[in-house]
Protein backbone atom coordinates (compact mmCIF):
# COMPACT_ATOMS: atom_id res chain seq x y z
CA MET A 1 -8.90 88.12 15.00
CA ASN A 2 -5.42 87.78 13.55
CA LYS A 3 -3.86 87.89 17.12
CA LEU A 4 -6.29 85.01 18.15
CA LYS A 5 -5.33 82.97 15.08
CA ASN A 6 -1.53 83.64 15.89
CA ASN A 7 -2.12 82.56 19.48
CA ILE A 8 -3.85 79.43 18.54
CA ALA A 9 -1.16 78.61 15.98
CA PHE A 10 1.52 79.11 18.67
CA LEU A 11 -0.40 76.92 21.14
CA GLU A 12 -0.73 74.16 18.51
CA ALA A 13 3.00 74.33 17.71
CA PHE A 14 3.90 74.31 21.43
CA TRP A 15 1.62 71.34 22.37
CA TYR A 16 2.53 69.38 19.20
CA SER A 17 6.30 69.80 19.97
CA LYS A 18 5.35 68.22 23.44
CA GLY A 19 3.48 65.31 21.93
CA ILE A 20 0.16 66.78 22.74
CA ASP A 21 -2.18 67.85 20.08
CA PHE A 22 -3.86 71.18 20.89
CA ASN A 23 -7.03 70.44 18.98
CA ASP A 24 -7.31 67.16 20.74
CA MET A 25 -6.89 68.72 24.06
CA PHE A 26 -9.51 71.49 23.16
CA ASP A 27 -11.87 68.78 21.92
CA TYR A 28 -11.52 66.87 25.07
CA VAL A 29 -12.30 69.95 27.26
CA VAL A 30 -15.33 70.84 25.08
CA LYS A 31 -16.60 67.23 25.15
CA HIS A 32 -16.25 66.85 28.97
CA LYS A 33 -17.51 70.41 30.10
CA ASP A 34 -20.89 71.29 31.37
CA PHE A 35 -20.76 74.90 30.31
CA ASN A 36 -20.27 76.98 27.14
CA ILE A 37 -16.72 77.93 26.27
CA GLU A 38 -15.42 79.90 23.33
CA ILE A 39 -11.84 79.26 21.93
CA ASN A 40 -10.45 82.52 23.21
CA GLU A 41 -11.72 81.72 26.71
CA PHE A 42 -10.07 78.28 26.63
CA HIS A 43 -6.97 80.02 25.48
CA ILE A 44 -6.94 82.28 28.51
CA ILE A 45 -7.59 79.26 30.87
CA GLU A 46 -4.91 77.21 29.28
CA ASN A 47 -2.42 80.13 29.40
CA GLY A 48 -3.10 80.54 33.15
CA PHE A 49 -2.52 76.80 33.68
CA ARG A 50 0.57 76.83 31.56
CA GLU A 51 2.04 79.72 33.38
CA LYS A 52 1.74 77.97 36.70
CA TRP A 53 3.06 74.67 35.22
CA ASN A 54 6.16 76.47 34.00
CA ILE A 55 6.83 78.23 37.21
CA GLU A 56 6.44 75.05 39.29
CA SER A 57 8.36 72.79 36.75
CA GLY A 58 9.76 69.85 38.77
CA GLU A 59 7.71 70.59 41.84
CA VAL A 60 4.87 68.58 43.30
CA VAL A 61 1.92 70.95 42.93
CA GLY A 62 -1.74 70.14 43.95
CA ASP A 63 -4.74 70.70 41.79
CA GLY A 64 -6.05 73.33 44.16
CA ASP A 65 -2.81 75.33 43.42
CA PHE A 66 -3.37 75.07 39.69
CA LYS A 67 -7.00 76.08 40.06
CA ASN A 68 -6.18 79.11 42.29
CA ALA A 69 -3.28 80.24 39.98
CA THR A 70 -5.41 79.89 36.89
CA TYR A 71 -8.25 81.83 38.55
CA ARG A 72 -5.90 84.56 39.46
CA PHE A 73 -4.53 84.67 35.94
CA ILE A 74 -8.24 84.98 34.56
CA GLU A 75 -8.86 87.83 37.00
CA ARG A 76 -5.74 89.68 35.63
CA GLU A 77 -6.94 89.09 32.00
CA ILE A 78 -10.32 90.48 32.91
CA GLU A 79 -8.78 93.56 34.59
CA ASN A 80 -6.53 94.08 31.60
CA GLY A 81 -9.71 94.01 29.26
CA ASN A 82 -8.98 90.63 27.69
C-alpha cells in the first residue's frame, strides 16, 4: 500500500509541475468512464500513456498509437504480476 501511495504522490507532483492536477485528471476519467476502475488500475494505464508520450515527445502520434502502446504496457504489467 505504501508503494501505491508513493506512486500516487509522485504522479501528483509530476502532473502538478506540468500545470495538470492529477486528482482532476483522475476525477475526469472516473466521471466519463462506463466501467469500474481502481486507482491502481488508473495508475497503470496512465503510466503506459505517459511512457509513449515521453518516447514520442515532439512527434505527431495518432490516438491509435497511444492506445496500442498503452495496451502493450498493460500486458507487460499483467505478465509481471502487477
